[in-house]
Each structure stands twice: as structure tokens, then as C-alpha cells.
């Protein structure tokens, strides 16, 4: 069942009406430029369609839970504290299209941004507590950059730094850490000398989002990381965990990450992209026993970027599964990480974050 009710029936929130409307409207000049491409594809691929009721219900309840669990300082407490978890929760709020400046969750968005910026090391640009956190926090800052009115961000207090300044520091930190890494990727800490494809994918997505947002990101940094991902990819679409060669094994998570970074970096013509996309699209019914939220998060984006028809099938099944597994209080697993990542696995239904553009 899909929603067809007017805005008044969406909890009476005018921002919900704005959200739906803005998802479908583009300037006439842009439409004229895009019309030749749009006519050859399903318009819902770019602009979305009516949001399934079950998706909206899960998302609404999840956001309400996240809002209730946010600390006064702006972060979320639990077993995975850090800038990355705050970033994941921040993106969950941004992703469904609520007005980030005057909407009902605008105060939550501003508090989360302040928490991330305050956590940053002013000298190194590091966003703790690991390079996983650094990558996700950098991604969330990139998605907020240009969308959040910074005159409102500090709510009368003294600004520590702008979102752009925080992003610039984070980009420099990633570049400095990569220079010390012989593989051209990243591992858990900024001074790590080994690398793995999971952490590298997280940092690389943050850098790609920053570049998409208009920030200056050295091509060399992105190219070195992409080369590491390519060297780690087998002909069958499997992706090694650590190092650059061998030890591929079976990991849908890593294959999904590799598919995503290749797509967002505009390398869909590469053999590696084709191999990893086939690897995941042939296994739509795969279910992870561990790291399931992480898997859903990357699988959603990888399929959407690479195979829209497969994403539609996978998305429908995932929406049902999450609707059945969501706790009565709106959380998933009772944690901010699990809840934020689960919501983001559904967020492509809304087509709102810049990083979701195809």
C-alpha cells in the first residue's frame, strides 16, 4: 500500500508536504537538459515514487526513537560511541527530507552537527574514535554542507568552526593518513600502516561525498584508494579484506562496498564494478548473520547505483523484514547504530541525500 493522503494526514506536518513536493519538482531548464535521458528510463529512478506506507511508518518511528535518545550535547550513547555514530544518526534525519533548518527535527540536526564538530581534533582534523568513525562523520558533514543554514547552527553561541572548515580538516586528515599507508587505503587509526577494504570504503565514501559537495579533495587521494579497492577485487566479484592480494573469501559486505565506491566515483565501465555488481545482484536473498545493519546499508546503495530493478526487489523485501523486526519503541536492537543504519537502508526511497543521486 502506498501513501496518497494529503499533508494534513501526515501528522499535520507541513514539512512533510514540502518534502514530497521537493522530491518531484525540478527547474524547467534542468528538465530540458535531462529530458532525453529521462525518456529512456523509469522516471521513478531519479525522482522516486509514492513512499510505501510500511517504509514511512518504520522511518517515522525510528526517527522518533533517535530523537528521544539524543543527548543534550548532541551525540548518542551506547556501545559504539563516536563521531561516526553521530554522523549515521544525523544522516538518518537528513535523508527523509525533513527541513534541516526549520523542520521538527532541525534542533536535533543542529545538535548532532555541533557534537561532531566539537569532537574533531583541531590540529589533525581527526574525527574519533576510529577511521570508520572518521569516514562516516565526514560523509554526514558533506551531506549537511550547503543544506544547513550555518547562521542557525550554533544558536547564538560562539561558532567553533564552520561545516566547511571541519570538512577541510577531515579531508586533510584522510590524506595525511593515506600517505603513511603503503597500500593506499586506511585501517582503524590515522597512523595505521596496514589497510582493509571495509575501512577504506567508509573513508572513500566520505571523500567522494565531500568532492560532490564542492570541497577540494586531491584526485591522488581518491585514485590511490580506488586502486587499492581494484587490486583487492577478484574476477568473480569477491573482495579481499586486508592487504592487496589473496584471501578473498565470501563477503557480500565487501562486494557491496566495492560496487558502491566504483559507481559513485563514476567507474561503472570497469570490469571490477561489473564483477562485484553481478556478485551481489545474483544473491538478492542473501541474509547476513552478523553485521546485518552494515550489510543492508551498503547493499541498498550498491544495488540502487548499479541495478535499479534488483534494488526494487531487494528494497521491498528489506522494508518488510525491517517492519517485522522493529521494536515497539521504534528502535532496532535498542541501539543508535543499529537504528540509524536500519533507517538508512530504507532512505533511498526518499531520494533526498546528494550522495544518493544516481
Foldseek 3Di string as FASTA:
>chain_A
DFDDDDPCVVVHFVQLNVLLVVLADDDPVVCVVCVVVCVVDPVCLFRFDTFHPLLVVLLVLLLVLVVVQADPQQFHDDDDDWQLLLLLNLCSVPLQRRQCEPGPCVVSNLSSLNNQLVQADPPQLATDDWLLSLLSNLLSLLLCVPRYDPVPNVPPDDDPDDSLVSNVSSLNLLVQLLVQAPQLFDDTHSVDNWHFLVSRLSNLSSLLSNVVSPHDHDPSSNVSSLVQQVQQADLQQFGATIDRDDNRDDDLLSLLSNLQSCLSVPNCVDSNNVNSLCVPLVPLVDADPPPRLSNLLSNLLSCSSRPVVSNVVSLVVLSVVSSVQQDPSSAHPPGSNSSSSSSNSNSVSSSRGPSSRD
